[in-house]
Amino acid sequence: MIEVQQLTKFYGSHAAIRDVSFKADRGEILGFLGPNGAGKTTTMRILTGYMPATSGTAKVAGFDVFNESREVRARVGYLPENPPLYPEFTPLAFLDFVARINGVGRAQRRPAIERALDATAIADVAGVPISTLSRGYRQRVAIAQAIVHEPEVIVLDEPTIGLDPKQVIGIRKLIKSLASDRTVILSTHILPEVTQLCDRVVIISRGLIVADDTTDSLTASEDLEHVFLRVTTSDVADDEVAAAEHAEAAMDEPLAATAESDESNGEPDGSAADAADDNGGEG
């Protein structure tokens, strides 16, 4: 259902992802993992047609993401980390809107909406403004918009973030049920969630795929947390070093500005004093 080959995306001179390749079959839940800034969201946005790649190929249900974008979008449901819900809409009105822009015909629209409402267990709040719903219900509405046009591929970015334990359990059961006849890509930082839900795991670090195997194979001799830390250790270590250097530089800036002013004028001028106050004088 999904075939990605040597996908690369540059932002200026920075490569967000480099030669990314992986596959996912029908009925499979693929866990897509990586540290912050590793390239997960970039990859998902390319797969869902939100942005082009610099090079490489990606196919969804046999259709090329770049040359057959309309066909791909009709077959993909996307839940971004911050779903664009319209608070003044009711779930029913919102799903009707999403179904129409996804090309669901008038005769099929109502049944499709009812199936999405039932699948996400939000039929009881279908006529209530989204602004009044709890975080868990809003997340269910967001998932409903991703499946209302009955896509063959569903891409979920952090679907359980910010939910309480009971809501998390409900969303996990929903995701499991969605994969019965679809392909699901699940991106999350909650590693036990991946172990419970996913058939296959792909880990990306610094824009490169560093692990790609079935969940059972990856966790045969160690748990997923240890696997993740082992294959992304250099990434995490480099980030910690960079953060420490940045903090040290920030602490030195007020002293450097004051010293420079002392040398040139004998005393700090107003701007240097202000800079010292702004950067840490209060601390």
Protein backbone atom coordinates (compact mmCIF):
# COMPACT_ATOMS: atom_id res chain seq x y z
CA MET A 1 0.00 0.00 0.00
CA ILE A 2 2.90 2.37 0.70
CA GLU A 3 6.23 2.26 -1.06
CA VAL A 4 8.86 4.93 -0.39
CA GLN A 5 12.17 4.89 -2.26
CA GLN A 6 15.18 7.16 -1.57
CA LEU A 7 13.03 10.09 -0.49
CA THR A 8 15.04 13.27 0.15
CA LYS A 9 13.90 16.73 1.20
CA PHE A 10 16.11 19.82 1.45
CA TYR A 11 15.18 23.07 3.17
CA GLY A 12 17.78 25.36 1.66
CA SER A 13 21.07 23.56 2.32
CA HIS A 14 19.66 21.47 5.18
CA ALA A 15 18.56 17.91 4.42
CA ALA A 16 15.52 17.14 6.57
CA ILE A 17 15.43 13.56 5.25
CA ARG A 18 17.94 11.67 3.10
CA ASP A 19 17.36 8.52 1.02
CA VAL A 20 14.40 7.40 3.15
CA SER A 21 12.98 4.05 2.00
CA PHE A 22 10.35 1.77 3.56
CA LYS A 23 7.17 -0.18 2.75
CA ALA A 24 3.87 -0.93 4.44
CA ASP A 25 1.30 -3.57 3.52
CA ARG A 26 -2.48 -3.53 3.61
CA GLY A 27 -3.82 -4.23 7.09
CA GLU A 28 -0.49 -3.30 8.68
CA ILE A 29 0.09 -0.72 11.43
CA LEU A 30 3.51 0.84 10.90
CA GLY A 31 5.12 2.65 13.82
CA PHE A 32 7.16 5.61 12.56
CA LEU A 33 9.52 6.73 15.33
CA GLY A 34 12.34 9.18 15.86
CA PRO A 35 13.62 11.99 18.10
CA ASN A 36 12.26 15.49 17.64
CA GLY A 37 13.49 16.99 14.39
CA ALA A 38 14.44 13.60 12.95
CA GLY A 39 12.27 13.99 9.84
CA LYS A 40 9.05 12.20 10.79
CA THR A 41 6.64 15.04 10.08
CA THR A 42 8.42 15.96 6.84
CA THR A 43 8.06 12.38 5.60
CA MET A 44 4.37 12.23 6.54
CA ARG A 45 3.63 15.56 4.88
CA ILE A 46 5.25 14.35 1.68
CA LEU A 47 3.29 11.08 1.76
CA THR A 48 0.00 12.93 2.24
CA GLY A 49 0.66 15.45 -0.54
CA TYR A 50 1.19 18.48 1.70
CA MET A 51 4.66 19.20 0.29
CA PRO A 52 6.90 17.95 -2.52
CA ALA A 53 10.13 16.05 -2.05
CA THR A 54 13.45 17.20 -3.48
CA SER A 55 14.09 13.74 -4.93
CA GLY A 56 13.00 10.12 -4.63
CA THR A 57 9.65 8.42 -5.17
CA ALA A 58 6.62 7.60 -3.03
CA LYS A 59 3.56 5.56 -3.98
CA VAL A 60 0.28 5.03 -2.17
CA ALA A 61 -1.99 2.22 -3.37
CA GLY A 62 0.06 2.14 -6.57
CA PHE A 63 -0.35 5.87 -7.31
CA ASP A 64 2.63 8.23 -7.47
CA VAL A 65 2.43 10.91 -4.76
CA PHE A 66 3.96 13.56 -7.01
CA ASN A 67 2.47 12.81 -10.43
CA GLU A 68 -0.92 11.49 -9.28
CA SER A 69 -1.47 13.65 -6.24
CA ARG A 70 -5.26 13.85 -6.54
CA GLU A 71 -5.58 10.06 -6.65
CA VAL A 72 -3.32 9.74 -3.61
CA ARG A 73 -5.19 12.33 -1.56
CA ALA A 74 -8.46 10.52 -2.20
CA ARG A 75 -6.94 7.40 -0.64
CA VAL A 76 -5.19 8.96 2.36
CA GLY A 77 -6.60 10.18 5.67
CA TYR A 78 -4.29 12.45 7.68
CA LEU A 79 -4.38 13.38 11.36
CA PRO A 80 -1.68 16.03 12.00
CA GLU A 81 -0.34 16.56 15.49
CA ASN A 82 -2.42 19.74 15.78
CA PRO A 83 -5.62 18.91 13.86
CA PRO A 84 -7.36 21.88 12.21
CA LEU A 85 -10.78 21.62 13.82
CA TYR A 86 -13.30 24.44 13.40
CA PRO A 87 -14.66 25.10 16.92
CA GLU A 88 -17.91 26.71 15.75
CA PHE A 89 -18.85 23.58 13.77
CA THR A 90 -20.60 20.57 15.21
CA PRO A 91 -18.93 17.22 14.48
CA LEU A 92 -21.77 16.44 12.07
CA ALA A 93 -21.31 19.69 10.12
CA PHE A 94 -17.53 19.35 10.17
CA LEU A 95 -17.57 15.80 8.83
CA ASP A 96 -20.02 16.83 6.12
CA PHE A 97 -17.62 19.59 5.10
CA VAL A 98 -14.61 17.26 5.08
CA ALA A 99 -16.51 14.58 3.14
CA ARG A 100 -17.50 17.12 0.48
CA ILE A 101 -13.96 18.47 -0.03
CA ASN A 102 -12.73 14.86 -0.26
CA GLY A 103 -15.14 14.17 -3.11
CA VAL A 104 -17.67 11.95 -1.34
CA GLY A 105 -20.84 12.05 -3.45
CA ARG A 106 -24.15 13.33 -2.09
CA ALA A 107 -25.75 9.86 -1.99
CA GLN A 108 -22.80 8.31 -0.14
CA ARG A 109 -22.09 11.23 2.17
CA ARG A 110 -24.59 10.60 4.96
CA PRO A 111 -23.78 6.88 5.31
CA ALA A 112 -20.05 7.70 5.30
CA ILE A 113 -20.51 10.30 8.04
CA GLU A 114 -22.57 7.90 10.15
CA ARG A 115 -19.90 5.20 9.82
CA ALA A 116 -17.20 7.67 10.92
CA LEU A 117 -19.32 8.82 13.87
CA ASP A 118 -19.93 5.22 14.95
CA ALA A 119 -16.31 4.14 14.47
CA THR A 120 -15.03 6.96 16.66
CA ALA A 121 -17.91 6.75 19.19
CA ILE A 122 -18.92 10.40 18.86
CA ALA A 123 -22.49 9.98 17.61
CA ASP A 124 -23.79 11.16 20.99
CA VAL A 125 -22.10 14.57 20.55
CA ALA A 126 -22.64 14.93 16.80
CA GLY A 127 -24.82 18.02 17.24
CA VAL A 128 -22.72 19.76 19.90
CA PRO A 129 -20.28 22.58 18.97
CA ILE A 130 -16.71 21.27 18.85
CA SER A 131 -15.59 24.14 21.09
CA THR A 132 -17.53 22.63 23.99
CA LEU A 133 -16.10 19.11 23.67
CA SER A 134 -13.41 17.60 25.90
CA ARG A 135 -9.89 17.00 24.58
CA GLY A 136 -10.65 13.31 24.12
CA TYR A 137 -13.79 13.96 22.11
CA ARG A 138 -12.03 16.57 19.95
CA GLN A 139 -9.30 14.03 19.19
CA ARG A 140 -11.97 11.54 18.16
CA VAL A 141 -13.52 14.15 15.86
CA ALA A 142 -10.07 14.70 14.34
CA ILE A 143 -9.70 10.97 13.69
CA ALA A 144 -13.22 10.86 12.25
CA GLN A 145 -12.28 13.53 9.67
CA ALA A 146 -9.31 11.39 8.67
CA ILE A 147 -11.51 8.35 7.93
CA VAL A 148 -14.82 9.85 6.77
CA HIS A 149 -13.95 9.41 3.08
CA GLU A 150 -12.95 5.79 3.83
CA PRO A 151 -9.30 6.05 2.78
CA GLU A 152 -7.11 3.03 2.23
CA VAL A 153 -4.20 4.61 4.14
CA ILE A 154 -4.44 6.52 7.44
CA VAL A 155 -1.55 8.63 8.74
CA LEU A 156 -1.75 9.52 12.44
CA ASP A 157 0.71 11.95 14.04
CA GLU A 158 0.68 11.73 17.86
CA PRO A 159 -3.01 10.66 18.07
CA THR A 160 -3.03 10.18 21.87
CA ILE A 161 -1.04 13.25 22.92
CA GLY A 162 -2.56 15.09 25.87
CA LEU A 163 -5.23 12.46 26.58
CA ASP A 164 -6.00 10.90 29.95
CA PRO A 165 -5.42 7.13 30.43
CA LYS A 166 -9.04 6.19 29.76
CA GLN A 167 -9.10 8.26 26.55
CA VAL A 168 -5.78 6.74 25.46
CA ILE A 169 -7.17 3.21 25.82
CA GLY A 170 -10.18 4.16 23.70
CA ILE A 171 -8.07 5.70 20.94
CA ARG A 172 -5.74 2.68 20.87
CA LYS A 173 -8.69 0.31 20.43
CA LEU A 174 -9.98 2.53 17.64
CA ILE A 175 -6.61 2.53 15.84
CA LYS A 176 -6.43 -1.26 16.09
CA SER A 177 -9.90 -1.59 14.57
CA LEU A 178 -9.08 0.80 11.73
CA ALA A 179 -6.26 -1.42 10.51
CA SER A 180 -8.49 -4.40 9.80
CA ASP A 181 -8.73 -3.47 6.12
CA ARG A 182 -6.52 -0.37 5.92
CA THR A 183 -2.89 0.59 6.33
CA VAL A 184 -2.06 2.83 9.29
CA ILE A 185 1.11 4.86 9.84
CA LEU A 186 1.40 5.81 13.50
CA SER A 187 3.91 8.39 14.70
CA THR A 188 4.25 8.67 18.46
CA HIS A 189 6.77 9.19 21.24
CA ILE A 190 4.94 6.69 23.48
CA LEU A 191 6.97 3.54 22.87
CA PRO A 192 4.69 1.11 24.79
CA GLU A 193 1.91 2.27 22.46
CA VAL A 194 3.99 1.13 19.49
CA THR A 195 4.69 -2.25 21.07
CA GLN A 196 0.97 -2.78 21.69
CA LEU A 197 -0.32 -1.59 18.33
CA CYS A 198 2.27 -1.85 15.57
CA ASP A 199 3.17 -4.77 13.33
CA ARG A 200 6.29 -3.08 11.96
CA VAL A 201 8.57 -0.29 13.20
CA VAL A 202 10.63 2.21 11.25
CA ILE A 203 12.99 4.49 13.21
CA ILE A 204 14.42 7.64 11.66
CA SER A 205 17.29 9.67 13.11
CA ARG A 206 18.80 12.83 11.64
CA GLY A 207 16.85 12.24 8.44
CA LEU A 208 18.11 8.67 7.93
CA ILE A 209 16.36 5.34 8.48
CA VAL A 210 18.28 3.55 11.24
CA ALA A 211 15.92 0.62 11.89
CA ASP A 212 13.20 -1.14 9.88
CA ASP A 213 11.80 -4.49 10.98
CA THR A 214 8.79 -6.21 12.48
CA THR A 215 8.01 -5.29 16.07
CA ASP A 216 8.56 -8.89 17.18
CA SER A 217 12.00 -9.07 15.57
CA LEU A 218 13.15 -5.71 16.94
CA THR A 219 12.06 -6.60 20.47
CA ALA A 220 13.14 -10.25 20.46
CA SER A 221 16.20 -9.61 22.68
CA GLU A 222 15.52 -6.14 24.14
CA ASP A 223 12.56 -3.86 24.66
CA LEU A 224 11.71 -1.12 22.18
CA GLU A 225 12.97 1.64 24.47
CA HIS A 226 16.47 0.14 24.48
CA VAL A 227 16.34 -0.38 20.72
CA PHE A 228 15.31 3.23 20.21
CA LEU A 229 18.04 4.59 22.48
CA ARG A 230 20.69 2.37 20.91
CA VAL A 231 19.99 3.38 17.30
CA THR A 232 19.51 7.09 18.08
CA THR A 233 22.24 7.52 20.75
CA SER A 234 24.45 9.80 18.66
CA ASP A 235 21.42 11.92 17.77
CA VAL A 236 20.40 12.39 21.39
CA ALA A 237 23.98 12.94 22.58
CA ASP A 238 24.68 15.56 19.91
CA ASP A 239 21.45 17.36 20.79
CA GLU A 240 22.43 17.44 24.47
CA VAL A 241 25.88 18.82 23.64
CA ALA A 242 24.37 21.47 21.38
CA ALA A 243 21.87 22.47 24.08
CA ALA A 244 24.64 22.77 26.68
CA GLU A 245 26.78 24.89 24.35
CA HIS A 246 23.80 27.12 23.57
CA ALA A 247 23.08 27.62 27.29
CA GLU A 248 26.72 28.41 28.03
CA ALA A 249 26.86 30.94 25.19
CA ALA A 250 23.66 32.59 26.42
CA MET A 251 25.14 32.97 29.90
CA ASP A 252 28.35 34.52 28.51
CA GLU A 253 26.62 37.09 26.29
CA PRO A 254 25.77 39.65 29.02
CA LEU A 255 29.33 39.50 30.41
CA ALA A 256 30.85 39.90 26.95
CA ALA A 257 28.61 42.84 26.14
CA THR A 258 29.49 44.58 29.44
CA ALA A 259 33.23 43.97 29.05
CA GLU A 260 33.22 45.37 25.51
CA SER A 261 31.40 48.47 26.66
CA ASP A 262 33.85 48.96 29.58
CA GLU A 263 36.80 48.85 27.19
CA SER A 264 35.36 51.34 24.73
CA ASN A 265 33.70 53.89 27.04
CA GLY A 266 34.99 53.25 30.49
CA GLU A 267 31.51 52.23 31.61
CA PRO A 268 28.58 50.31 30.12
CA ASP A 269 26.44 52.36 27.78
CA GLY A 270 22.65 52.16 27.96
CA SER A 271 22.24 49.53 25.27
CA ALA A 272 24.79 47.18 26.81
CA ALA A 273 23.22 47.58 30.22
CA ASP A 274 19.79 46.92 28.74
CA ALA A 275 21.12 43.84 26.97
CA ALA A 276 22.60 42.57 30.20
CA ASP A 277 19.28 43.06 31.96
CA ASP A 278 17.34 41.40 29.14
CA ASN A 279 19.62 38.37 28.95
CA GLY A 280 19.92 37.54 32.61
CA GLY A 281 20.25 40.61 34.78
CA GLU A 282 17.12 39.70 36.71
CA GLY A 283 18.46 36.24 37.54
